[in-house]
Amino acid sequence: MFYSFVRVIARFFLFLVNGNAHYRNKEKLPSGNYILVGPHRAWFDMIYFALAASPKKFSFMAKSELFKNPILRFILVHANAFPVDRKNPGPSAVKTPVKWLRKRDLSLIMFPSGTRHSQKLKGGALLIAKLAGVPLVPAVYQGPPTFKRLLLRKRVTISFGEPIYIDRKKRLNDEEQQKILKNLHNVFDELDQEIDPTYKYVDPKALKK
C-alpha cells in the first residue's frame, strides 16, 4: 500500500516538473519477477525505471547510512528498500534480494556499474539473477542527468530490451560473467541507438572539473 502511494506521488511530481516522459518496449517486460538493470545516469533514473515498468513493484538497494535516520528508515523500508554497506557488502547483499525475488511479488532494480560516475559493469546482478532464477531485463534512461535540467522539461525516454536468461546449470565463472556483461553493454548501446543515434552520456561530475 505504501509503495503504491509513493509511486502515485512520484508520478504526479515528475509530471509537474517535467511532463515529458516516454516509455518504449514495455511489451518486452516479463510477467513474473526479474531484475531491471541499466547504466546509472541520474540520481532519479531509478524512479523513472520504476514508473516505466508499472504496475510491477520493485525493491531497491540503498546505502546503509541512509537507514540511520529513523524517519528515512521508515520510508525506505516501506518502499521495499534494503540496506547495503558499499564498502563491505556482506552476504545479505545477495541473500536478501534473492529471497525477495523468490518469495515476494517484487522485482529488483539494480545498476551493474554501482554508481553514476562509472560505467564499468560489475557482476553482482548476474549472481542474484542466477540464484533467484529470474531474468535480467536491460533498460536505458535517456534524459537530463541533473534535476536542474529536468526542470527545463527536456525529453525523458526509458526503453526496455529483451530479457536475458542465465543458465542456472552453467558455472558463473569470470569468463562467463564477462560474456554476459559484454552482452548487456551491447544491448544498452543498441537501445541508446534506437532512441537517439547521436546520444552520448557525459557524467555531470566530469564537466565540473
N, C-alpha and C. Protein backbone atom coordinates (compact mmCIF):
# COMPACT_ATOMS: atom_id res chain seq x y z
N MET A 1 0.83 -1.21 0.00
CA MET A 1 0.00 0.00 0.00
C MET A 1 0.87 1.27 0.00
N PHE A 2 1.90 1.28 0.87
CA PHE A 2 2.77 2.45 0.95
C PHE A 2 3.51 2.67 -0.36
N TYR A 3 4.00 1.56 -0.95
CA TYR A 3 4.72 1.66 -2.22
C TYR A 3 3.82 2.27 -3.29
N SER A 4 2.58 1.80 -3.38
CA SER A 4 1.65 2.31 -4.38
C SER A 4 1.38 3.79 -4.18
N PHE A 5 1.27 4.20 -2.91
CA PHE A 5 1.04 5.61 -2.58
C PHE A 5 2.22 6.46 -3.03
N VAL A 6 3.44 6.00 -2.70
CA VAL A 6 4.64 6.74 -3.07
C VAL A 6 4.78 6.82 -4.59
N ARG A 7 4.40 5.75 -5.27
CA ARG A 7 4.50 5.74 -6.74
C ARG A 7 3.56 6.78 -7.35
N VAL A 8 2.38 6.92 -6.81
CA VAL A 8 1.43 7.92 -7.30
C VAL A 8 1.99 9.33 -7.09
N ILE A 9 2.55 9.57 -5.90
CA ILE A 9 3.14 10.88 -5.59
C ILE A 9 4.31 11.18 -6.52
N ALA A 10 5.16 10.17 -6.75
CA ALA A 10 6.33 10.35 -7.62
C ALA A 10 5.90 10.65 -9.05
N ARG A 11 4.89 9.92 -9.53
CA ARG A 11 4.43 10.13 -10.90
C ARG A 11 3.86 11.55 -11.07
N PHE A 12 3.09 11.98 -10.08
CA PHE A 12 2.49 13.32 -10.14
C PHE A 12 3.56 14.41 -10.07
N PHE A 13 4.55 14.21 -9.17
CA PHE A 13 5.62 15.20 -9.00
C PHE A 13 6.45 15.33 -10.28
N LEU A 14 6.84 14.19 -10.86
CA LEU A 14 7.66 14.24 -12.08
C LEU A 14 6.88 14.80 -13.26
N PHE A 15 5.57 14.57 -13.27
CA PHE A 15 4.74 15.16 -14.33
C PHE A 15 4.73 16.68 -14.20
N LEU A 16 4.67 17.18 -12.96
CA LEU A 16 4.66 18.62 -12.74
C LEU A 16 5.98 19.27 -13.14
N VAL A 17 7.09 18.65 -12.76
CA VAL A 17 8.39 19.28 -13.01
C VAL A 17 8.92 19.03 -14.41
N ASN A 18 8.42 17.96 -15.06
CA ASN A 18 8.93 17.65 -16.40
C ASN A 18 7.80 17.40 -17.39
N GLY A 19 7.00 16.38 -17.15
CA GLY A 19 5.85 16.10 -18.01
C GLY A 19 6.20 15.70 -19.43
N ASN A 20 7.41 15.19 -19.64
CA ASN A 20 7.83 14.83 -21.00
C ASN A 20 8.51 13.46 -21.00
N ALA A 21 7.86 12.49 -20.36
CA ALA A 21 8.42 11.14 -20.25
C ALA A 21 7.79 10.22 -21.29
N HIS A 22 8.63 9.36 -21.87
CA HIS A 22 8.18 8.42 -22.90
C HIS A 22 8.77 7.04 -22.60
N TYR A 23 7.92 6.02 -22.65
CA TYR A 23 8.34 4.66 -22.31
C TYR A 23 8.19 3.75 -23.53
N ARG A 24 9.26 3.02 -23.84
CA ARG A 24 9.28 2.18 -25.04
C ARG A 24 9.49 0.70 -24.69
N ASN A 25 8.89 -0.16 -25.50
CA ASN A 25 9.09 -1.62 -25.43
C ASN A 25 8.61 -2.26 -24.13
N LYS A 26 7.53 -1.74 -23.55
CA LYS A 26 7.01 -2.33 -22.32
C LYS A 26 6.53 -3.76 -22.53
N GLU A 27 6.20 -4.09 -23.76
CA GLU A 27 5.73 -5.44 -24.06
C GLU A 27 6.82 -6.49 -23.84
N LYS A 28 8.07 -6.06 -23.72
CA LYS A 28 9.16 -7.00 -23.51
C LYS A 28 9.33 -7.38 -22.04
N LEU A 29 8.64 -6.70 -21.15
CA LEU A 29 8.77 -6.99 -19.72
C LEU A 29 8.11 -8.32 -19.39
N PRO A 30 8.81 -9.20 -18.65
CA PRO A 30 8.23 -10.50 -18.26
C PRO A 30 7.06 -10.31 -17.30
N SER A 31 6.21 -11.32 -17.20
CA SER A 31 5.07 -11.25 -16.30
C SER A 31 5.48 -11.56 -14.86
N GLY A 32 6.53 -12.38 -14.67
CA GLY A 32 6.99 -12.72 -13.33
C GLY A 32 8.05 -11.75 -12.84
N ASN A 33 8.76 -12.14 -11.80
CA ASN A 33 9.82 -11.29 -11.26
C ASN A 33 11.05 -11.27 -12.16
N TYR A 34 11.79 -10.18 -12.09
CA TYR A 34 13.01 -10.02 -12.88
C TYR A 34 13.88 -8.95 -12.24
N ILE A 35 15.10 -8.81 -12.74
CA ILE A 35 15.99 -7.75 -12.28
C ILE A 35 16.15 -6.75 -13.41
N LEU A 36 15.70 -5.54 -13.18
CA LEU A 36 15.82 -4.48 -14.17
C LEU A 36 17.20 -3.84 -14.02
N VAL A 37 18.01 -3.89 -15.06
CA VAL A 37 19.38 -3.38 -14.99
C VAL A 37 19.62 -2.33 -16.07
N GLY A 38 20.38 -1.31 -15.72
CA GLY A 38 20.68 -0.28 -16.71
C GLY A 38 21.86 0.56 -16.25
N PRO A 39 22.44 1.34 -17.14
CA PRO A 39 23.50 2.27 -16.76
C PRO A 39 22.92 3.38 -15.89
N HIS A 40 23.66 3.77 -14.84
CA HIS A 40 23.19 4.78 -13.88
C HIS A 40 23.59 6.16 -14.38
N ARG A 41 22.59 6.98 -14.77
CA ARG A 41 22.89 8.25 -15.43
C ARG A 41 22.34 9.48 -14.71
N ALA A 42 21.50 9.29 -13.71
CA ALA A 42 20.94 10.40 -12.93
C ALA A 42 20.51 9.84 -11.59
N TRP A 43 20.50 10.67 -10.54
CA TRP A 43 20.13 10.12 -9.23
C TRP A 43 18.66 9.73 -9.19
N PHE A 44 17.87 10.22 -10.15
CA PHE A 44 16.43 9.93 -10.17
C PHE A 44 16.04 8.94 -11.27
N ASP A 45 17.01 8.38 -12.01
CA ASP A 45 16.63 7.46 -13.09
C ASP A 45 15.98 6.19 -12.57
N MET A 46 16.32 5.79 -11.33
CA MET A 46 15.68 4.63 -10.72
C MET A 46 14.17 4.84 -10.59
N ILE A 47 13.78 6.08 -10.27
CA ILE A 47 12.35 6.40 -10.14
C ILE A 47 11.66 6.26 -11.49
N TYR A 48 12.31 6.76 -12.54
CA TYR A 48 11.73 6.64 -13.88
C TYR A 48 11.63 5.18 -14.31
N PHE A 49 12.64 4.36 -13.98
CA PHE A 49 12.57 2.94 -14.32
C PHE A 49 11.35 2.30 -13.65
N ALA A 50 11.16 2.59 -12.36
CA ALA A 50 10.05 2.00 -11.61
C ALA A 50 8.71 2.44 -12.17
N LEU A 51 8.60 3.71 -12.55
CA LEU A 51 7.35 4.22 -13.12
C LEU A 51 7.10 3.63 -14.50
N ALA A 52 8.16 3.50 -15.28
CA ALA A 52 8.03 2.99 -16.65
C ALA A 52 7.55 1.54 -16.65
N ALA A 53 8.00 0.76 -15.66
CA ALA A 53 7.65 -0.67 -15.61
C ALA A 53 6.39 -0.93 -14.79
N SER A 54 5.74 0.11 -14.31
CA SER A 54 4.49 -0.04 -13.57
C SER A 54 3.46 -0.79 -14.42
N PRO A 55 2.62 -1.65 -13.83
CA PRO A 55 2.28 -1.76 -12.41
C PRO A 55 3.17 -2.68 -11.59
N LYS A 56 4.22 -3.22 -12.18
CA LYS A 56 5.13 -4.07 -11.41
C LYS A 56 5.74 -3.28 -10.27
N LYS A 57 5.89 -3.90 -9.11
CA LYS A 57 6.51 -3.26 -7.96
C LYS A 57 7.95 -3.76 -7.82
N PHE A 58 8.80 -2.89 -7.24
CA PHE A 58 10.22 -3.19 -7.17
C PHE A 58 10.79 -3.03 -5.77
N SER A 59 11.89 -3.72 -5.55
CA SER A 59 12.71 -3.50 -4.37
C SER A 59 13.99 -2.80 -4.85
N PHE A 60 14.70 -2.21 -3.89
CA PHE A 60 15.88 -1.41 -4.23
C PHE A 60 16.98 -1.62 -3.20
N MET A 61 18.21 -1.50 -3.65
CA MET A 61 19.34 -1.46 -2.74
C MET A 61 19.60 -0.01 -2.37
N ALA A 62 19.87 0.25 -1.09
CA ALA A 62 20.19 1.61 -0.65
C ALA A 62 21.38 1.54 0.31
N LYS A 63 22.23 2.54 0.26
CA LYS A 63 23.41 2.52 1.13
C LYS A 63 22.98 2.55 2.59
N SER A 64 23.67 1.78 3.41
CA SER A 64 23.27 1.55 4.80
C SER A 64 23.20 2.83 5.62
N GLU A 65 23.99 3.85 5.25
CA GLU A 65 23.99 5.11 6.01
C GLU A 65 22.61 5.76 6.04
N LEU A 66 21.84 5.56 4.98
CA LEU A 66 20.52 6.19 4.90
C LEU A 66 19.55 5.64 5.94
N PHE A 67 19.81 4.44 6.42
CA PHE A 67 18.90 3.80 7.36
C PHE A 67 19.14 4.25 8.80
N LYS A 68 20.14 5.08 9.03
CA LYS A 68 20.42 5.55 10.39
C LYS A 68 19.40 6.58 10.85
N ASN A 69 18.82 7.30 9.91
CA ASN A 69 17.77 8.27 10.24
C ASN A 69 16.45 7.53 10.39
N PRO A 70 15.79 7.58 11.55
CA PRO A 70 14.57 6.79 11.78
C PRO A 70 13.43 7.11 10.82
N ILE A 71 13.28 8.36 10.45
CA ILE A 71 12.20 8.75 9.53
C ILE A 71 12.49 8.23 8.13
N LEU A 72 13.74 8.44 7.68
CA LEU A 72 14.13 7.96 6.36
C LEU A 72 14.12 6.44 6.32
N ARG A 73 14.50 5.82 7.43
CA ARG A 73 14.49 4.35 7.52
C ARG A 73 13.07 3.82 7.33
N PHE A 74 12.10 4.48 7.98
CA PHE A 74 10.69 4.07 7.85
C PHE A 74 10.25 4.13 6.39
N ILE A 75 10.59 5.23 5.72
CA ILE A 75 10.20 5.42 4.32
C ILE A 75 10.85 4.37 3.43
N LEU A 76 12.15 4.16 3.63
CA LEU A 76 12.89 3.21 2.79
C LEU A 76 12.37 1.78 2.97
N VAL A 77 12.18 1.38 4.21
CA VAL A 77 11.71 0.01 4.49
C VAL A 77 10.35 -0.23 3.86
N HIS A 78 9.45 0.74 3.99
CA HIS A 78 8.10 0.58 3.44
C HIS A 78 8.05 0.80 1.92
N ALA A 79 9.16 1.29 1.36
CA ALA A 79 9.24 1.44 -0.10
C ALA A 79 10.04 0.28 -0.71
N ASN A 80 10.23 -0.78 0.09
CA ASN A 80 10.89 -2.02 -0.35
C ASN A 80 12.38 -1.87 -0.59
N ALA A 81 13.01 -0.97 0.16
CA ALA A 81 14.47 -0.82 0.06
C ALA A 81 15.13 -1.62 1.18
N PHE A 82 16.35 -2.10 0.93
CA PHE A 82 17.10 -2.80 1.96
C PHE A 82 18.53 -2.27 1.96
N PRO A 83 19.17 -2.25 3.15
CA PRO A 83 20.50 -1.62 3.28
C PRO A 83 21.64 -2.49 2.75
N VAL A 84 22.62 -1.82 2.16
CA VAL A 84 23.83 -2.48 1.69
C VAL A 84 25.03 -1.60 2.05
N ASP A 85 26.01 -2.19 2.69
CA ASP A 85 27.25 -1.49 3.00
C ASP A 85 28.13 -1.53 1.76
N ARG A 86 28.28 -0.41 1.09
CA ARG A 86 29.01 -0.37 -0.18
C ARG A 86 30.48 -0.74 -0.02
N LYS A 87 31.08 -0.36 1.12
CA LYS A 87 32.50 -0.64 1.33
C LYS A 87 32.72 -2.11 1.70
N ASN A 88 31.82 -2.65 2.49
CA ASN A 88 31.95 -4.04 2.92
C ASN A 88 30.62 -4.78 2.77
N PRO A 89 30.20 -5.04 1.53
CA PRO A 89 28.92 -5.73 1.33
C PRO A 89 29.00 -7.18 1.83
N GLY A 90 28.14 -7.50 2.78
CA GLY A 90 28.14 -8.85 3.35
C GLY A 90 27.24 -9.78 2.56
N PRO A 91 27.05 -11.00 3.05
CA PRO A 91 26.19 -11.99 2.37
C PRO A 91 24.76 -11.51 2.17
N SER A 92 24.27 -10.63 3.05
CA SER A 92 22.88 -10.16 2.95
C SER A 92 22.65 -9.36 1.67
N ALA A 93 23.72 -8.79 1.09
CA ALA A 93 23.60 -8.02 -0.16
C ALA A 93 23.13 -8.92 -1.30
N VAL A 94 23.35 -10.22 -1.16
CA VAL A 94 22.88 -11.20 -2.15
C VAL A 94 21.69 -11.97 -1.62
N LYS A 95 21.75 -12.39 -0.36
CA LYS A 95 20.70 -13.23 0.21
C LYS A 95 19.34 -12.53 0.26
N THR A 96 19.34 -11.26 0.66
CA THR A 96 18.06 -10.53 0.78
C THR A 96 17.34 -10.40 -0.56
N PRO A 97 17.99 -9.89 -1.62
CA PRO A 97 17.27 -9.78 -2.90
C PRO A 97 16.89 -11.14 -3.49
N VAL A 98 17.73 -12.16 -3.30
CA VAL A 98 17.39 -13.50 -3.81
C VAL A 98 16.14 -14.01 -3.11
N LYS A 99 16.07 -13.85 -1.81
CA LYS A 99 14.91 -14.29 -1.04
C LYS A 99 13.64 -13.55 -1.46
N TRP A 100 13.76 -12.23 -1.64
CA TRP A 100 12.59 -11.43 -2.03
C TRP A 100 12.12 -11.79 -3.44
N LEU A 101 13.07 -12.00 -4.34
CA LEU A 101 12.70 -12.35 -5.72
C LEU A 101 12.00 -13.69 -5.79
N ARG A 102 12.38 -14.60 -4.90
CA ARG A 102 11.78 -15.93 -4.88
C ARG A 102 10.42 -15.96 -4.19
N LYS A 103 10.29 -15.21 -3.07
CA LYS A 103 9.13 -15.38 -2.21
C LYS A 103 8.14 -14.22 -2.20
N ARG A 104 8.51 -13.10 -2.81
CA ARG A 104 7.61 -11.94 -2.81
C ARG A 104 7.34 -11.51 -4.25
N ASP A 105 6.21 -10.87 -4.45
CA ASP A 105 5.86 -10.37 -5.79
C ASP A 105 6.55 -9.02 -6.01
N LEU A 106 7.88 -9.07 -5.99
CA LEU A 106 8.69 -7.87 -6.14
C LEU A 106 9.85 -8.15 -7.08
N SER A 107 10.01 -7.30 -8.07
CA SER A 107 11.20 -7.37 -8.90
C SER A 107 12.26 -6.46 -8.27
N LEU A 108 13.41 -6.36 -8.90
CA LEU A 108 14.53 -5.62 -8.34
C LEU A 108 15.13 -4.70 -9.39
N ILE A 109 15.46 -3.48 -8.99
CA ILE A 109 16.18 -2.55 -9.87
C ILE A 109 17.62 -2.46 -9.40
N MET A 110 18.56 -2.71 -10.30
CA MET A 110 19.99 -2.63 -9.98
C MET A 110 20.75 -1.91 -11.08
N PHE A 111 21.83 -1.26 -10.68
CA PHE A 111 22.74 -0.65 -11.65
C PHE A 111 24.05 -1.42 -11.60
N PRO A 112 24.37 -2.21 -12.62
CA PRO A 112 25.59 -3.02 -12.61
C PRO A 112 26.87 -2.23 -12.42
N SER A 113 26.85 -0.94 -12.74
CA SER A 113 28.04 -0.11 -12.55
C SER A 113 28.16 0.33 -11.09
N GLY A 114 27.03 0.33 -10.37
CA GLY A 114 27.04 0.69 -8.96
C GLY A 114 27.03 2.17 -8.67
N THR A 115 27.39 3.00 -9.63
CA THR A 115 27.48 4.44 -9.41
C THR A 115 27.26 5.20 -10.72
N ARG A 116 26.85 6.45 -10.60
CA ARG A 116 26.65 7.29 -11.78
C ARG A 116 27.98 7.73 -12.39
N HIS A 117 29.05 7.65 -11.61
CA HIS A 117 30.34 8.18 -12.05
C HIS A 117 31.26 7.11 -12.62
N SER A 118 30.70 5.95 -12.89
CA SER A 118 31.45 4.88 -13.55
C SER A 118 30.50 4.07 -14.41
N GLN A 119 30.91 3.75 -15.60
CA GLN A 119 30.08 2.95 -16.50
C GLN A 119 30.61 1.52 -16.63
N LYS A 120 31.58 1.16 -15.77
CA LYS A 120 32.13 -0.18 -15.78
C LYS A 120 31.16 -1.14 -15.10
N LEU A 121 30.75 -2.18 -15.80
CA LEU A 121 29.75 -3.10 -15.28
C LEU A 121 30.38 -4.13 -14.35
N LYS A 122 29.63 -4.48 -13.28
CA LYS A 122 30.06 -5.49 -12.32
C LYS A 122 29.05 -6.64 -12.31
N GLY A 123 29.47 -7.76 -11.70
CA GLY A 123 28.68 -8.99 -11.84
C GLY A 123 27.70 -9.32 -10.75
N GLY A 124 27.45 -8.41 -9.78
CA GLY A 124 26.53 -8.71 -8.68
C GLY A 124 25.14 -9.09 -9.12
N ALA A 125 24.61 -8.36 -10.10
CA ALA A 125 23.26 -8.63 -10.59
C ALA A 125 23.16 -10.00 -11.24
N LEU A 126 24.25 -10.45 -11.85
CA LEU A 126 24.25 -11.75 -12.52
C LEU A 126 24.11 -12.88 -11.50
N LEU A 127 24.84 -12.76 -10.40
CA LEU A 127 24.79 -13.78 -9.35
C LEU A 127 23.40 -13.85 -8.73
N ILE A 128 22.83 -12.69 -8.45
CA ILE A 128 21.49 -12.65 -7.85
C ILE A 128 20.47 -13.25 -8.80
N ALA A 129 20.58 -12.91 -10.09
CA ALA A 129 19.64 -13.44 -11.09
C ALA A 129 19.74 -14.96 -11.18
N LYS A 130 20.96 -15.48 -11.15
CA LYS A 130 21.15 -16.93 -11.25
C LYS A 130 20.58 -17.65 -10.04
N LEU A 131 20.91 -17.16 -8.83
CA LEU A 131 20.45 -17.81 -7.61
C LEU A 131 18.93 -17.72 -7.45
N ALA A 132 18.34 -16.60 -7.91
CA ALA A 132 16.89 -16.42 -7.78
C ALA A 132 16.12 -17.07 -8.92
N GLY A 133 16.83 -17.39 -10.01
CA GLY A 133 16.16 -17.99 -11.16
C GLY A 133 15.27 -17.03 -11.91
N VAL A 134 15.71 -15.76 -12.01
CA VAL A 134 14.93 -14.74 -12.72
C VAL A 134 15.80 -14.14 -13.83
N PRO A 135 15.19 -13.57 -14.86
CA PRO A 135 15.96 -12.96 -15.94
C PRO A 135 16.42 -11.54 -15.62
N LEU A 136 17.42 -11.10 -16.35
CA LEU A 136 17.83 -9.70 -16.33
C LEU A 136 17.08 -8.99 -17.46
N VAL A 137 16.55 -7.82 -17.19
CA VAL A 137 15.89 -7.03 -18.23
C VAL A 137 16.67 -5.73 -18.42
N PRO A 138 17.35 -5.57 -19.56
CA PRO A 138 18.13 -4.35 -19.81
C PRO A 138 17.20 -3.15 -20.02
N ALA A 139 17.63 -2.01 -19.54
CA ALA A 139 16.86 -0.77 -19.72
C ALA A 139 17.83 0.40 -19.78
N VAL A 140 17.46 1.42 -20.51
CA VAL A 140 18.28 2.64 -20.54
C VAL A 140 17.42 3.86 -20.28
N TYR A 141 18.04 4.83 -19.64
CA TYR A 141 17.43 6.15 -19.41
C TYR A 141 18.17 7.14 -20.28
N GLN A 142 17.44 7.86 -21.11
CA GLN A 142 18.00 8.99 -21.84
C GLN A 142 17.21 10.22 -21.45
N GLY A 143 17.92 11.19 -20.92
CA GLY A 143 17.25 12.40 -20.48
C GLY A 143 18.21 13.27 -19.70
N PRO A 144 17.71 14.31 -19.06
CA PRO A 144 18.57 15.20 -18.28
C PRO A 144 19.31 14.45 -17.18
N PRO A 145 20.62 14.67 -17.02
CA PRO A 145 21.39 13.99 -15.98
C PRO A 145 21.28 14.67 -14.61
N THR A 146 20.72 15.88 -14.60
CA THR A 146 20.58 16.62 -13.34
C THR A 146 19.14 17.08 -13.16
N PHE A 147 18.76 17.31 -11.91
CA PHE A 147 17.39 17.75 -11.64
C PHE A 147 17.14 19.15 -12.21
N LYS A 148 18.17 19.98 -12.21
CA LYS A 148 18.05 21.33 -12.75
C LYS A 148 17.65 21.30 -14.22
N ARG A 149 18.26 20.39 -14.98
CA ARG A 149 17.94 20.28 -16.40
C ARG A 149 16.60 19.57 -16.61
N LEU A 150 16.23 18.74 -15.65
CA LEU A 150 14.92 18.08 -15.73
C LEU A 150 13.81 19.13 -15.68
N LEU A 151 14.04 20.19 -14.90
CA LEU A 151 13.05 21.26 -14.77
C LEU A 151 12.82 22.02 -16.08
N LEU A 152 13.76 21.88 -17.02
CA LEU A 152 13.63 22.55 -18.31
C LEU A 152 12.70 21.78 -19.24
N ARG A 153 12.13 20.67 -18.70
CA ARG A 153 11.16 19.84 -19.42
C ARG A 153 11.76 19.20 -20.67
N LYS A 154 13.05 18.86 -20.56
CA LYS A 154 13.71 18.12 -21.63
C LYS A 154 13.13 16.71 -21.69
N ARG A 155 13.11 16.13 -22.86
CA ARG A 155 12.53 14.80 -23.06
C ARG A 155 13.25 13.72 -22.25
N VAL A 156 12.47 12.85 -21.64
CA VAL A 156 12.98 11.67 -20.93
C VAL A 156 12.45 10.43 -21.64
N THR A 157 13.34 9.50 -21.96
CA THR A 157 12.92 8.26 -22.61
C THR A 157 13.50 7.07 -21.86
N ILE A 158 12.64 6.11 -21.55
CA ILE A 158 13.06 4.84 -20.97
C ILE A 158 12.73 3.76 -22.00
N SER A 159 13.72 2.92 -22.29
CA SER A 159 13.49 1.85 -23.26
C SER A 159 13.97 0.52 -22.68
N PHE A 160 13.16 -0.52 -22.89
CA PHE A 160 13.47 -1.86 -22.36
C PHE A 160 13.94 -2.79 -23.48
N GLY A 161 14.86 -3.69 -23.11
CA GLY A 161 15.34 -4.69 -24.05
C GLY A 161 14.77 -6.06 -23.75
N GLU A 162 15.14 -7.04 -24.55
CA GLU A 162 14.68 -8.41 -24.36
C GLU A 162 15.30 -9.00 -23.07
N PRO A 163 14.55 -9.79 -22.32
CA PRO A 163 15.09 -10.42 -21.11
C PRO A 163 16.29 -11.31 -21.44
N ILE A 164 17.24 -11.32 -20.54
CA ILE A 164 18.43 -12.17 -20.67
C ILE A 164 18.38 -13.22 -19.57
N TYR A 165 18.35 -14.48 -19.97
CA TYR A 165 18.25 -15.58 -19.00
C TYR A 165 19.63 -16.19 -18.76
N ILE A 166 19.94 -16.43 -17.50
CA ILE A 166 21.21 -17.04 -17.12
C ILE A 166 20.98 -18.51 -16.82
N ASP A 167 21.74 -19.35 -17.47
CA ASP A 167 21.62 -20.80 -17.29
C ASP A 167 22.07 -21.17 -15.87
N ARG A 168 21.14 -21.66 -15.05
CA ARG A 168 21.47 -21.99 -13.66
C ARG A 168 22.39 -23.19 -13.55
N LYS A 169 22.46 -24.00 -14.62
CA LYS A 169 23.33 -25.18 -14.59
C LYS A 169 24.77 -24.85 -14.98
N LYS A 170 24.95 -23.69 -15.61
CA LYS A 170 26.28 -23.31 -16.06
C LYS A 170 27.01 -22.55 -14.96
N ARG A 171 28.28 -22.86 -14.79
CA ARG A 171 29.08 -22.20 -13.77
C ARG A 171 29.30 -20.73 -14.13
N LEU A 172 29.04 -19.86 -13.15
CA LEU A 172 29.17 -18.43 -13.40
C LEU A 172 30.60 -17.98 -13.04
N ASN A 173 31.57 -18.47 -13.83
CA ASN A 173 32.96 -18.08 -13.59
C ASN A 173 33.23 -16.72 -14.22
N ASP A 174 34.47 -16.26 -14.09
CA ASP A 174 34.81 -14.92 -14.58
C ASP A 174 34.60 -14.80 -16.09
N GLU A 175 34.94 -15.83 -16.82
CA GLU A 175 34.78 -15.79 -18.28
C GLU A 175 33.31 -15.67 -18.66
N GLU A 176 32.47 -16.44 -17.98
CA GLU A 176 31.04 -16.41 -18.28
C GLU A 176 30.44 -15.06 -17.89
N GLN A 177 30.87 -14.52 -16.74
CA GLN A 177 30.39 -13.21 -16.31
C GLN A 177 30.73 -12.13 -17.32
N GLN A 178 31.97 -12.14 -17.78
CA GLN A 178 32.40 -11.12 -18.75
C GLN A 178 31.62 -11.24 -20.06
N LYS A 179 31.28 -12.46 -20.43
CA LYS A 179 30.50 -12.68 -21.64
C LYS A 179 29.10 -12.07 -21.51
N ILE A 180 28.47 -12.30 -20.36
CA ILE A 180 27.12 -11.76 -20.13
C ILE A 180 27.16 -10.23 -20.00
N LEU A 181 28.17 -9.73 -19.28
CA LEU A 181 28.29 -8.29 -19.11
C LEU A 181 28.55 -7.58 -20.44
N LYS A 182 29.32 -8.20 -21.29
CA LYS A 182 29.56 -7.63 -22.62
C LYS A 182 28.27 -7.59 -23.42
N ASN A 183 27.49 -8.65 -23.31
CA ASN A 183 26.19 -8.69 -23.99
C ASN A 183 25.28 -7.59 -23.47
N LEU A 184 25.28 -7.39 -22.14
CA LEU A 184 24.47 -6.33 -21.55
C LEU A 184 24.90 -4.97 -22.07
N HIS A 185 26.20 -4.74 -22.09
CA HIS A 185 26.73 -3.47 -22.57
C HIS A 185 26.32 -3.22 -24.02
N ASN A 186 26.35 -4.27 -24.84
CA ASN A 186 25.95 -4.13 -26.25
C ASN A 186 24.47 -3.80 -26.37
N VAL A 187 23.65 -4.43 -25.51
CA VAL A 187 22.21 -4.15 -25.55
C VAL A 187 21.94 -2.71 -25.13
N PHE A 188 22.64 -2.24 -24.10
CA PHE A 188 22.48 -0.83 -23.70
C PHE A 188 22.79 0.10 -24.88
N ASP A 189 23.87 -0.20 -25.59
CA ASP A 189 24.26 0.62 -26.75
C ASP A 189 23.18 0.57 -27.84
N GLU A 190 22.62 -0.61 -28.07
CA GLU A 190 21.58 -0.77 -29.09
C GLU A 190 20.33 0.02 -28.73
N LEU A 191 19.95 -0.04 -27.45
CA LEU A 191 18.76 0.70 -27.01
C LEU A 191 18.99 2.20 -27.14
N ASP A 192 20.19 2.65 -26.79
CA ASP A 192 20.52 4.07 -26.94
C ASP A 192 20.45 4.50 -28.40
N GLN A 193 20.97 3.66 -29.28
CA GLN A 193 20.97 3.97 -30.71
C GLN A 193 19.55 4.06 -31.26
N GLU A 194 18.68 3.18 -30.77
CA GLU A 194 17.29 3.19 -31.24
C GLU A 194 16.58 4.48 -30.84
N ILE A 195 16.91 4.98 -29.67
CA ILE A 195 16.27 6.22 -29.19
C ILE A 195 16.86 7.43 -29.90
N ASP A 196 18.20 7.51 -29.88
CA ASP A 196 18.88 8.66 -30.48
C ASP A 196 20.30 8.24 -30.88
N PRO A 197 20.56 8.07 -32.17
CA PRO A 197 21.88 7.62 -32.66
C PRO A 197 23.02 8.56 -32.27
N THR A 198 22.70 9.80 -31.92
CA THR A 198 23.75 10.77 -31.59
C THR A 198 24.01 10.85 -30.08
N TYR A 199 23.26 10.08 -29.30
CA TYR A 199 23.35 10.21 -27.85
C TYR A 199 24.69 9.71 -27.31
N LYS A 200 25.23 10.45 -26.35
CA LYS A 200 26.43 10.03 -25.64
C LYS A 200 26.35 10.56 -24.22
N TYR A 201 26.42 9.64 -23.26
CA TYR A 201 26.32 10.06 -21.86
C TYR A 201 27.60 10.75 -21.40
N VAL A 202 27.42 11.89 -20.74
CA VAL A 202 28.55 12.62 -20.16
C VAL A 202 28.27 12.83 -18.69
N ASP A 203 29.12 12.34 -17.84
CA ASP A 203 28.96 12.46 -16.39
C ASP A 203 29.03 13.93 -15.99
N PRO A 204 27.97 14.48 -15.35
CA PRO A 204 27.98 15.88 -14.95
C PRO A 204 29.15 16.21 -14.02
N LYS A 205 29.59 15.24 -13.24
CA LYS A 205 30.72 15.46 -12.34
C LYS A 205 31.98 15.76 -13.12
N ALA A 206 32.13 15.08 -14.28
CA ALA A 206 33.32 15.30 -15.11
C ALA A 206 33.32 16.69 -15.73
N LEU A 207 32.13 17.23 -15.99
CA LEU A 207 32.04 18.56 -16.58
C LEU A 207 32.47 19.66 -15.61
N LYS A 208 32.38 19.37 -14.31
CA LYS A 208 32.71 20.38 -13.30
C LYS A 208 34.22 20.50 -13.12
N LYS A 209 34.98 19.51 -13.59
CA LYS A 209 36.42 19.53 -13.40
C LYS A 209 37.10 20.52 -14.35
